[in-house]
Amino acid sequence: MQSMANRSVEYYMGLSYQVIIKSVEEAGSQRYFTLSIPELTGLAVAADSISAGIKELADAKKRWFQTNLQLNRPIPEPQADPDDTPRAM
């Protein structure tokens, strides 16, 4: 693991954050998707398709990391997924 001072946008982009995808339907059958990363406050996008949303989210995530690094704000690292925790047998 890198020290806090040496972490870069590339470091954070290489981490696996949980992405939440929600389908939203509006009146008149208009449908779109919202994608967010709960650990990265305020980071969310909306798109007409999941694939477009994933691309937009990656771009937004990169800008989010760049801004927070420039402002010396703390950036949370992904929490371990409880389903990935090794279990004793």
N, C-alpha and C. Protein backbone atom coordinates (compact mmCIF):
# COMPACT_ATOMS: atom_id res chain seq x y z
N MET A 1 0.84 -1.19 0.00
CA MET A 1 0.00 0.00 0.00
C MET A 1 0.88 1.24 0.00
N GLN A 2 0.50 2.24 -0.75
CA GLN A 2 1.27 3.48 -0.84
C GLN A 2 0.94 4.38 0.35
N SER A 3 1.92 5.25 0.71
CA SER A 3 1.64 6.22 1.76
C SER A 3 0.66 7.25 1.21
N MET A 4 -0.07 7.91 2.11
CA MET A 4 -1.08 8.90 1.70
C MET A 4 -0.49 9.94 0.76
N ALA A 5 0.73 10.41 1.04
CA ALA A 5 1.33 11.49 0.25
C ALA A 5 1.66 11.05 -1.17
N ASN A 6 1.86 9.75 -1.39
CA ASN A 6 2.27 9.26 -2.71
C ASN A 6 1.13 8.71 -3.54
N ARG A 7 -0.08 8.80 -3.06
CA ARG A 7 -1.21 8.26 -3.81
C ARG A 7 -1.59 9.21 -4.93
N SER A 8 -1.91 8.62 -6.07
CA SER A 8 -2.23 9.40 -7.26
C SER A 8 -3.62 9.02 -7.77
N VAL A 9 -4.06 9.74 -8.78
CA VAL A 9 -5.33 9.42 -9.43
C VAL A 9 -5.29 7.98 -9.93
N GLU A 10 -4.17 7.57 -10.52
CA GLU A 10 -4.04 6.22 -11.05
C GLU A 10 -4.17 5.18 -9.94
N TYR A 11 -3.60 5.48 -8.77
CA TYR A 11 -3.71 4.57 -7.63
C TYR A 11 -5.19 4.35 -7.30
N TYR A 12 -5.92 5.45 -7.11
CA TYR A 12 -7.32 5.35 -6.73
C TYR A 12 -8.18 4.74 -7.85
N MET A 13 -7.87 5.04 -9.11
CA MET A 13 -8.63 4.46 -10.22
C MET A 13 -8.45 2.95 -10.28
N GLY A 14 -7.36 2.45 -9.75
CA GLY A 14 -7.10 1.01 -9.75
C GLY A 14 -7.80 0.25 -8.64
N LEU A 15 -8.43 0.96 -7.71
CA LEU A 15 -9.13 0.32 -6.61
C LEU A 15 -10.55 -0.07 -7.05
N SER A 16 -11.09 -1.08 -6.42
CA SER A 16 -12.43 -1.59 -6.78
C SER A 16 -13.48 -1.06 -5.82
N TYR A 17 -14.17 -0.02 -6.23
CA TYR A 17 -15.25 0.55 -5.45
C TYR A 17 -16.56 -0.10 -5.87
N GLN A 18 -17.47 -0.26 -4.91
CA GLN A 18 -18.79 -0.79 -5.22
C GLN A 18 -19.59 0.26 -5.99
N VAL A 19 -20.22 -0.17 -7.07
CA VAL A 19 -21.06 0.71 -7.88
C VAL A 19 -22.52 0.28 -7.69
N ILE A 20 -23.37 1.25 -7.40
CA ILE A 20 -24.81 0.99 -7.27
C ILE A 20 -25.49 1.48 -8.55
N ILE A 21 -26.24 0.59 -9.18
CA ILE A 21 -26.97 0.92 -10.40
C ILE A 21 -28.46 0.79 -10.11
N LYS A 22 -29.20 1.86 -10.42
CA LYS A 22 -30.65 1.85 -10.23
C LYS A 22 -31.33 2.20 -11.54
N SER A 23 -32.39 1.49 -11.83
CA SER A 23 -33.23 1.78 -12.99
C SER A 23 -34.33 2.73 -12.54
N VAL A 24 -34.53 3.80 -13.29
CA VAL A 24 -35.54 4.80 -12.94
C VAL A 24 -36.51 4.93 -14.12
N GLU A 25 -37.80 4.80 -13.82
CA GLU A 25 -38.82 5.00 -14.85
C GLU A 25 -39.65 6.21 -14.50
N GLU A 26 -39.80 7.08 -15.45
CA GLU A 26 -40.62 8.27 -15.27
C GLU A 26 -41.93 8.09 -16.03
N ALA A 27 -42.85 8.98 -15.78
CA ALA A 27 -44.13 8.94 -16.49
C ALA A 27 -43.87 8.96 -17.99
N GLY A 28 -44.68 8.24 -18.72
CA GLY A 28 -44.51 8.20 -20.17
C GLY A 28 -43.48 7.18 -20.61
N SER A 29 -43.13 6.24 -19.74
CA SER A 29 -42.21 5.14 -20.05
C SER A 29 -40.78 5.59 -20.29
N GLN A 30 -40.43 6.80 -19.90
CA GLN A 30 -39.04 7.25 -20.01
C GLN A 30 -38.22 6.50 -18.96
N ARG A 31 -37.16 5.81 -19.39
CA ARG A 31 -36.34 5.01 -18.48
C ARG A 31 -34.89 5.43 -18.60
N TYR A 32 -34.23 5.54 -17.45
CA TYR A 32 -32.79 5.81 -17.43
C TYR A 32 -32.19 5.12 -16.22
N PHE A 33 -30.88 5.20 -16.11
CA PHE A 33 -30.17 4.54 -15.02
C PHE A 33 -29.34 5.55 -14.25
N THR A 34 -29.30 5.38 -12.93
CA THR A 34 -28.38 6.17 -12.12
C THR A 34 -27.30 5.23 -11.61
N LEU A 35 -26.07 5.72 -11.61
CA LEU A 35 -24.94 4.95 -11.11
C LEU A 35 -24.22 5.80 -10.09
N SER A 36 -23.87 5.20 -8.96
CA SER A 36 -23.18 5.94 -7.92
C SER A 36 -22.18 5.05 -7.20
N ILE A 37 -21.27 5.69 -6.49
CA ILE A 37 -20.30 5.00 -5.65
C ILE A 37 -20.51 5.56 -4.25
N PRO A 38 -21.18 4.80 -3.38
CA PRO A 38 -21.55 5.32 -2.07
C PRO A 38 -20.38 5.87 -1.25
N GLU A 39 -19.21 5.28 -1.36
CA GLU A 39 -18.06 5.71 -0.57
C GLU A 39 -17.49 7.05 -1.03
N LEU A 40 -17.83 7.47 -2.24
CA LEU A 40 -17.30 8.73 -2.79
C LEU A 40 -18.45 9.74 -2.81
N THR A 41 -18.56 10.49 -1.75
CA THR A 41 -19.67 11.41 -1.51
C THR A 41 -19.94 12.31 -2.71
N GLY A 42 -21.20 12.30 -3.15
CA GLY A 42 -21.62 13.19 -4.22
C GLY A 42 -21.35 12.67 -5.62
N LEU A 43 -20.74 11.51 -5.73
CA LEU A 43 -20.40 11.00 -7.07
C LEU A 43 -21.54 10.13 -7.60
N ALA A 44 -22.24 10.65 -8.60
CA ALA A 44 -23.34 9.93 -9.23
C ALA A 44 -23.54 10.47 -10.64
N VAL A 45 -24.01 9.60 -11.53
CA VAL A 45 -24.30 10.01 -12.90
C VAL A 45 -25.63 9.39 -13.31
N ALA A 46 -26.22 9.91 -14.36
CA ALA A 46 -27.43 9.35 -14.95
C ALA A 46 -27.17 9.16 -16.44
N ALA A 47 -27.70 8.06 -16.99
CA ALA A 47 -27.47 7.78 -18.41
C ALA A 47 -28.63 6.96 -18.96
N ASP A 48 -28.74 6.94 -20.30
CA ASP A 48 -29.81 6.19 -20.96
C ASP A 48 -29.57 4.68 -20.95
N SER A 49 -28.31 4.26 -20.78
CA SER A 49 -27.99 2.83 -20.74
C SER A 49 -26.94 2.58 -19.66
N ILE A 50 -26.85 1.34 -19.22
CA ILE A 50 -25.85 1.00 -18.21
C ILE A 50 -24.44 1.18 -18.78
N SER A 51 -24.22 0.77 -20.02
CA SER A 51 -22.88 0.89 -20.59
C SER A 51 -22.46 2.36 -20.71
N ALA A 52 -23.37 3.23 -21.10
CA ALA A 52 -23.05 4.66 -21.16
C ALA A 52 -22.80 5.20 -19.75
N GLY A 53 -23.58 4.72 -18.79
CA GLY A 53 -23.41 5.16 -17.41
C GLY A 53 -22.07 4.75 -16.84
N ILE A 54 -21.61 3.55 -17.16
CA ILE A 54 -20.31 3.08 -16.67
C ILE A 54 -19.19 3.96 -17.20
N LYS A 55 -19.27 4.34 -18.48
CA LYS A 55 -18.25 5.23 -19.05
C LYS A 55 -18.30 6.60 -18.38
N GLU A 56 -19.50 7.14 -18.23
CA GLU A 56 -19.65 8.46 -17.59
C GLU A 56 -19.18 8.42 -16.14
N LEU A 57 -19.47 7.32 -15.44
CA LEU A 57 -19.05 7.20 -14.05
C LEU A 57 -17.53 7.14 -13.94
N ALA A 58 -16.88 6.43 -14.85
CA ALA A 58 -15.41 6.36 -14.83
C ALA A 58 -14.81 7.75 -15.03
N ASP A 59 -15.37 8.52 -15.97
CA ASP A 59 -14.88 9.88 -16.22
C ASP A 59 -15.10 10.77 -14.99
N ALA A 60 -16.29 10.67 -14.40
CA ALA A 60 -16.62 11.48 -13.23
C ALA A 60 -15.75 11.08 -12.04
N LYS A 61 -15.50 9.79 -11.89
CA LYS A 61 -14.67 9.29 -10.78
C LYS A 61 -13.25 9.84 -10.89
N LYS A 62 -12.71 9.86 -12.09
CA LYS A 62 -11.36 10.39 -12.30
C LYS A 62 -11.30 11.87 -11.92
N ARG A 63 -12.30 12.64 -12.37
CA ARG A 63 -12.34 14.07 -12.02
C ARG A 63 -12.52 14.25 -10.51
N TRP A 64 -13.33 13.40 -9.88
CA TRP A 64 -13.56 13.46 -8.43
C TRP A 64 -12.23 13.26 -7.69
N PHE A 65 -11.47 12.24 -8.11
CA PHE A 65 -10.17 11.98 -7.47
C PHE A 65 -9.21 13.16 -7.71
N GLN A 66 -9.15 13.66 -8.94
CA GLN A 66 -8.26 14.78 -9.24
C GLN A 66 -8.57 15.98 -8.35
N THR A 67 -9.82 16.34 -8.26
CA THR A 67 -10.24 17.50 -7.46
C THR A 67 -9.90 17.30 -5.99
N ASN A 68 -10.24 16.14 -5.44
CA ASN A 68 -9.99 15.91 -4.03
C ASN A 68 -8.51 15.82 -3.69
N LEU A 69 -7.70 15.30 -4.60
CA LEU A 69 -6.25 15.29 -4.38
C LEU A 69 -5.70 16.72 -4.40
N GLN A 70 -6.16 17.53 -5.36
CA GLN A 70 -5.69 18.93 -5.44
C GLN A 70 -6.07 19.72 -4.20
N LEU A 71 -7.21 19.42 -3.62
CA LEU A 71 -7.68 20.14 -2.44
C LEU A 71 -7.21 19.48 -1.13
N ASN A 72 -6.37 18.44 -1.26
CA ASN A 72 -5.86 17.71 -0.09
C ASN A 72 -6.96 17.17 0.81
N ARG A 73 -8.05 16.75 0.20
CA ARG A 73 -9.15 16.15 0.96
C ARG A 73 -8.90 14.66 1.07
N PRO A 74 -9.33 14.06 2.17
CA PRO A 74 -9.16 12.60 2.31
C PRO A 74 -10.04 11.86 1.30
N ILE A 75 -9.51 10.79 0.78
CA ILE A 75 -10.24 9.95 -0.16
C ILE A 75 -10.39 8.57 0.47
N PRO A 76 -11.62 8.13 0.70
CA PRO A 76 -11.81 6.81 1.31
C PRO A 76 -11.44 5.70 0.33
N GLU A 77 -10.88 4.64 0.87
CA GLU A 77 -10.61 3.47 0.05
C GLU A 77 -11.79 2.52 0.18
N PRO A 78 -11.97 1.63 -0.77
CA PRO A 78 -13.12 0.72 -0.74
C PRO A 78 -13.13 -0.11 0.54
N GLN A 79 -14.31 -0.34 1.04
CA GLN A 79 -14.49 -1.23 2.18
C GLN A 79 -14.50 -2.67 1.67
N ALA A 80 -14.03 -3.57 2.50
CA ALA A 80 -14.05 -4.99 2.12
C ALA A 80 -15.49 -5.45 1.97
N ASP A 81 -15.75 -6.22 0.96
CA ASP A 81 -17.07 -6.80 0.74
C ASP A 81 -17.24 -7.96 1.71
N PRO A 82 -18.27 -7.94 2.55
CA PRO A 82 -18.44 -9.03 3.52
C PRO A 82 -18.53 -10.40 2.86
N ASP A 83 -18.98 -10.46 1.62
CA ASP A 83 -19.07 -11.75 0.90
C ASP A 83 -17.70 -12.26 0.50
N ASP A 84 -16.68 -11.39 0.49
CA ASP A 84 -15.33 -11.79 0.12
C ASP A 84 -14.47 -12.17 1.32
N THR A 85 -15.04 -12.06 2.52
CA THR A 85 -14.28 -12.36 3.73
C THR A 85 -14.08 -13.86 3.85
N PRO A 86 -12.82 -14.29 4.05
CA PRO A 86 -12.59 -15.73 4.22
C PRO A 86 -13.30 -16.25 5.47
N ARG A 87 -13.82 -17.43 5.36
CA ARG A 87 -14.54 -18.05 6.49
C ARG A 87 -13.81 -19.31 6.93
N ALA A 88 -13.79 -19.54 8.24
CA ALA A 88 -13.22 -20.77 8.76
C ALA A 88 -14.16 -21.91 8.47
N MET A 89 -13.61 -23.05 8.16
CA MET A 89 -14.46 -24.21 7.85
C MET A 89 -14.23 -25.29 8.87
